[in-house]
């Protein structure tokens, strides 16, 4: 687990957030080179699948191909433009997806231990789970 770009160990931690933006779940750490779709297929979708009929999953374009119940923006074609309906759909998805991004911000900005992780990637998952519990406690989701 090594990031060639940053020249240091890296990890990929996935998370699910409630519609209100509070994080609900974080995954174990995978190598930083793991694509988001691969990580989602292994870690997120098995956890989320029972709830997909009742609550849609909104994701960024890195999750394209995750399945019919995972809503991602449509990418602009190589040659051409998106039609107005598709642009509107993408704008609506962005306006809803920001709450999930808020969940990541709640954890990563509030807890300094997540801002620049300098430990082994194997420990990163433990730190993320600890931050999840503290964030949920802070938002009165657990007592």
C-alpha atoms as a PDB file:
ATOM      1  CA  UNK A   1       0.000   0.000   0.000  1.00  0.00           C
ATOM      2  CA  UNK A   2       1.999   2.887  -1.345  1.00  0.00           C
ATOM      3  CA  UNK A   3       0.926   6.058  -3.127  1.00  0.00           C
ATOM      4  CA  UNK A   4       3.299   6.808  -5.965  1.00  0.00           C
ATOM      5  CA  UNK A   5       1.873  10.322  -6.245  1.00  0.00           C
ATOM      6  CA  UNK A   6       2.371  11.199  -2.579  1.00  0.00           C
ATOM      7  CA  UNK A   7       5.321   8.795  -2.130  1.00  0.00           C
ATOM      8  CA  UNK A   8       3.864   7.386   1.070  1.00  0.00           C
ATOM      9  CA  UNK A   9       1.479   4.644   2.209  1.00  0.00           C
ATOM     10  CA  UNK A  10      -2.155   5.245   1.276  1.00  0.00           C
ATOM     11  CA  UNK A  11      -5.520   3.668   2.050  1.00  0.00           C
ATOM     12  CA  UNK A  12      -9.070   3.789   0.694  1.00  0.00           C
ATOM     13  CA  UNK A  13     -11.851   4.019   3.295  1.00  0.00           C
ATOM     14  CA  UNK A  14     -15.463   4.036   2.075  1.00  0.00           C
ATOM     15  CA  UNK A  15     -18.401   5.424   4.054  1.00  0.00           C
ATOM     16  CA  UNK A  16     -22.188   5.712   4.030  1.00  0.00           C
ATOM     17  CA  UNK A  17     -23.970   8.822   5.293  1.00  0.00           C
ATOM     18  CA  UNK A  18     -27.579   9.394   6.317  1.00  0.00           C
ATOM     19  CA  UNK A  19     -29.738  11.751   4.238  1.00  0.00           C
ATOM     20  CA  UNK A  20     -29.105  14.399   6.909  1.00  0.00           C
ATOM     21  CA  UNK A  21     -25.363  14.155   6.333  1.00  0.00           C
ATOM     22  CA  UNK A  22     -24.261  12.309   9.479  1.00  0.00           C
ATOM     23  CA  UNK A  23     -21.972   9.363   8.730  1.00  0.00           C
ATOM     24  CA  UNK A  24     -23.514   5.963   9.496  1.00  0.00           C
ATOM     25  CA  UNK A  25     -20.816   3.455   8.552  1.00  0.00           C
ATOM     26  CA  UNK A  26     -17.170   3.288   7.488  1.00  0.00           C
ATOM     27  CA  UNK A  27     -15.412   0.388   5.827  1.00  0.00           C
ATOM     28  CA  UNK A  28     -12.193  -1.387   6.537  1.00  0.00           C
ATOM     29  CA  UNK A  29      -9.210   0.099   4.776  1.00  0.00           C
ATOM     30  CA  UNK A  30      -8.212  -1.102   1.328  1.00  0.00           C
ATOM     31  CA  UNK A  31      -4.995  -0.229  -0.508  1.00  0.00           C
ATOM     32  CA  UNK A  32      -5.043   3.325  -1.818  1.00  0.00           C
ATOM     33  CA  UNK A  33      -4.707   2.027  -5.365  1.00  0.00           C
ATOM     34  CA  UNK A  34      -8.121   0.327  -5.107  1.00  0.00           C
ATOM     35  CA  UNK A  35     -10.647   1.954  -7.460  1.00  0.00           C
ATOM     36  CA  UNK A  36     -13.770   3.333  -5.750  1.00  0.00           C
ATOM     37  CA  UNK A  37     -16.043   0.994  -7.713  1.00  0.00           C
ATOM     38  CA  UNK A  38     -14.018  -2.055  -6.645  1.00  0.00           C
ATOM     39  CA  UNK A  39     -14.064  -0.897  -3.020  1.00  0.00           C
ATOM     40  CA  UNK A  40     -17.810  -0.259  -3.199  1.00  0.00           C
ATOM     41  CA  UNK A  41     -18.473  -3.698  -4.717  1.00  0.00           C
ATOM     42  CA  UNK A  42     -16.482  -5.415  -1.983  1.00  0.00           C
ATOM     43  CA  UNK A  43     -17.394  -3.332   1.057  1.00  0.00           C
ATOM     44  CA  UNK A  44     -20.258  -0.852   0.591  1.00  0.00           C
ATOM     45  CA  UNK A  45     -22.843  -2.469  -1.663  1.00  0.00           C
ATOM     46  CA  UNK A  46     -23.186  -5.673   0.401  1.00  0.00           C
ATOM     47  CA  UNK A  47     -24.013  -3.485   3.429  1.00  0.00           C
ATOM     48  CA  UNK A  48     -26.316  -1.106   1.521  1.00  0.00           C
ATOM     49  CA  UNK A  49     -28.103  -3.591  -0.763  1.00  0.00           C
ATOM     50  CA  UNK A  50     -30.975  -4.435   1.681  1.00  0.00           C
ATOM     51  CA  UNK A  51     -31.881  -0.732   1.893  1.00  0.00           C
ATOM     52  CA  UNK A  52     -31.612   0.232  -1.777  1.00  0.00           C
ATOM     53  CA  UNK A  53     -35.334  -0.223  -2.482  1.00  0.00           C
ATOM     54  CA  UNK A  54     -36.280   2.223   0.282  1.00  0.00           C
ATOM     55  CA  UNK A  55     -33.408   4.691   0.114  1.00  0.00           C
ATOM     56  CA  UNK A  56     -31.436   5.482  -3.039  1.00  0.00           C
ATOM     57  CA  UNK A  57     -27.657   5.564  -2.960  1.00  0.00           C
ATOM     58  CA  UNK A  58     -26.161   8.698  -4.484  1.00  0.00           C
ATOM     59  CA  UNK A  59     -22.538   8.570  -5.559  1.00  0.00           C
ATOM     60  CA  UNK A  60     -20.014  10.416  -7.688  1.00  0.00           C
ATOM     61  CA  UNK A  61     -19.056   9.319 -11.172  1.00  0.00           C
ATOM     62  CA  UNK A  62     -16.316   7.037  -9.821  1.00  0.00           C
ATOM     63  CA  UNK A  63     -19.084   4.573  -8.973  1.00  0.00           C
ATOM     64  CA  UNK A  64     -20.443   4.343 -12.519  1.00  0.00           C
ATOM     65  CA  UNK A  65     -21.419   0.730 -13.148  1.00  0.00           C
ATOM     66  CA  UNK A  66     -22.228  -0.054  -9.496  1.00  0.00           C
ATOM     67  CA  UNK A  67     -25.799  -1.053 -10.381  1.00  0.00           C
ATOM     68  CA  UNK A  68     -29.227   0.296 -11.155  1.00  0.00           C
ATOM     69  CA  UNK A  69     -29.908   1.356  -7.564  1.00  0.00           C
ATOM     70  CA  UNK A  70     -26.780   3.525  -7.324  1.00  0.00           C
ATOM     71  CA  UNK A  71     -27.406   6.928  -8.876  1.00  0.00           C
ATOM     72  CA  UNK A  72     -24.383   8.622 -10.445  1.00  0.00           C
ATOM     73  CA  UNK A  73     -24.097  11.646 -12.738  1.00  0.00           C
ATOM     74  CA  UNK A  74     -23.905  11.044 -16.473  1.00  0.00           C
ATOM     75  CA  UNK A  75     -20.520  11.951 -17.924  1.00  0.00           C
ATOM     76  CA  UNK A  76     -20.236  14.321 -20.839  1.00  0.00           C
ATOM     77  CA  UNK A  77     -19.583  12.400 -24.062  1.00  0.00           C
ATOM     78  CA  UNK A  78     -16.122  12.741 -25.623  1.00  0.00           C
ATOM     79  CA  UNK A  79     -17.589  14.591 -28.581  1.00  0.00           C
ATOM     80  CA  UNK A  80     -20.688  16.546 -27.814  1.00  0.00           C
ATOM     81  CA  UNK A  81     -22.761  17.958 -25.017  1.00  0.00           C
ATOM     82  CA  UNK A  82     -25.299  16.569 -22.588  1.00  0.00           C
ATOM     83  CA  UNK A  83     -28.934  17.340 -23.334  1.00  0.00           C
ATOM     84  CA  UNK A  84     -30.818  19.690 -21.007  1.00  0.00           C
ATOM     85  CA  UNK A  85     -32.665  16.841 -19.240  1.00  0.00           C
ATOM     86  CA  UNK A  86     -29.404  15.069 -18.412  1.00  0.00           C
ATOM     87  CA  UNK A  87     -27.792  18.307 -17.242  1.00  0.00           C
ATOM     88  CA  UNK A  88     -30.801  18.922 -14.988  1.00  0.00           C
ATOM     89  CA  UNK A  89     -30.618  15.369 -13.616  1.00  0.00           C
ATOM     90  CA  UNK A  90     -26.914  15.822 -12.859  1.00  0.00           C
ATOM     91  CA  UNK A  91     -27.614  19.136 -11.099  1.00  0.00           C
ATOM     92  CA  UNK A  92     -30.324  17.505  -8.979  1.00  0.00           C
ATOM     93  CA  UNK A  93     -28.006  14.639  -8.032  1.00  0.00           C
ATOM     94  CA  UNK A  94     -25.284  17.113  -7.040  1.00  0.00           C
ATOM     95  CA  UNK A  95     -27.756  19.100  -4.948  1.00  0.00           C
ATOM     96  CA  UNK A  96     -28.733  15.960  -3.038  1.00  0.00           C
ATOM     97  CA  UNK A  97     -25.306  14.327  -2.851  1.00  0.00           C
ATOM     98  CA  UNK A  98     -23.735  17.209  -0.961  1.00  0.00           C
ATOM     99  CA  UNK A  99     -25.253  15.827   2.244  1.00  0.00           C
ATOM    100  CA  UNK A 100     -23.184  12.676   1.893  1.00  0.00           C
ATOM    101  CA  UNK A 101     -20.101  14.784   1.338  1.00  0.00           C
ATOM    102  CA  UNK A 102     -21.043  16.661   4.505  1.00  0.00           C
ATOM    103  CA  UNK A 103     -20.742  13.369   6.383  1.00  0.00           C
ATOM    104  CA  UNK A 104     -17.147  12.980   5.239  1.00  0.00           C
ATOM    105  CA  UNK A 105     -16.415  16.592   6.137  1.00  0.00           C
ATOM    106  CA  UNK A 106     -17.911  16.143   9.606  1.00  0.00           C
ATOM    107  CA  UNK A 107     -15.437  13.375  10.295  1.00  0.00           C
ATOM    108  CA  UNK A 108     -12.339  14.537   8.475  1.00  0.00           C
ATOM    109  CA  UNK A 109     -12.481  18.199   9.472  1.00  0.00           C
ATOM    110  CA  UNK A 110     -13.616  17.670  13.045  1.00  0.00           C
ATOM    111  CA  UNK A 111     -11.093  14.983  13.973  1.00  0.00           C
ATOM    112  CA  UNK A 112      -7.501  16.042  13.345  1.00  0.00           C
ATOM    113  CA  UNK A 113      -6.346  12.427  13.401  1.00  0.00           C
ATOM    114  CA  UNK A 114      -8.029  11.994   9.987  1.00  0.00           C
ATOM    115  CA  UNK A 115      -6.633  15.123   8.371  1.00  0.00           C
ATOM    116  CA  UNK A 116      -3.183  13.722   7.709  1.00  0.00           C
ATOM    117  CA  UNK A 117      -2.883  10.091   8.669  1.00  0.00           C
ATOM    118  CA  UNK A 118       0.754   9.220   9.282  1.00  0.00           C
ATOM    119  CA  UNK A 119       0.281   5.646  10.509  1.00  0.00           C
ATOM    120  CA  UNK A 120       0.174   2.399   8.599  1.00  0.00           C
ATOM    121  CA  UNK A 121      -2.866   1.995   6.332  1.00  0.00           C
ATOM    122  CA  UNK A 122      -4.002  -0.965   8.453  1.00  0.00           C
ATOM    123  CA  UNK A 123      -4.474   1.435  11.382  1.00  0.00           C
ATOM    124  CA  UNK A 124      -6.349   3.973   9.268  1.00  0.00           C
ATOM    125  CA  UNK A 125      -9.560   1.912   9.415  1.00  0.00           C
ATOM    126  CA  UNK A 126      -9.431   1.858  13.215  1.00  0.00           C
ATOM    127  CA  UNK A 127      -8.984   5.629  13.315  1.00  0.00           C
ATOM    128  CA  UNK A 128     -11.892   6.130  10.884  1.00  0.00           C
ATOM    129  CA  UNK A 129     -14.176   3.859  12.942  1.00  0.00           C
ATOM    130  CA  UNK A 130     -13.225   5.736  16.117  1.00  0.00           C
ATOM    131  CA  UNK A 131     -13.999   9.057  14.446  1.00  0.00           C
ATOM    132  CA  UNK A 132     -17.339   7.617  13.276  1.00  0.00           C
ATOM    133  CA  UNK A 133     -18.352   6.692  16.836  1.00  0.00           C
ATOM    134  CA  UNK A 134     -17.272  10.090  18.179  1.00  0.00           C
ATOM    135  CA  UNK A 135     -19.141  11.916  15.399  1.00  0.00           C
ATOM    136  CA  UNK A 136     -22.304   9.894  16.011  1.00  0.00           C
ATOM    137  CA  UNK A 137     -22.018  10.573  19.744  1.00  0.00           C
ATOM    138  CA  UNK A 138     -21.552  14.276  19.086  1.00  0.00           C
ATOM    139  CA  UNK A 139     -24.713  14.319  16.948  1.00  0.00           C
ATOM    140  CA  UNK A 140     -26.668  12.390  19.604  1.00  0.00           C
ATOM    141  CA  UNK A 141     -27.135   9.293  17.450  1.00  0.00           C
ATOM    142  CA  UNK A 142     -25.692   7.135  20.244  1.00  0.00           C
ATOM    143  CA  UNK A 143     -25.368   7.668  23.965  1.00  0.00           C
END
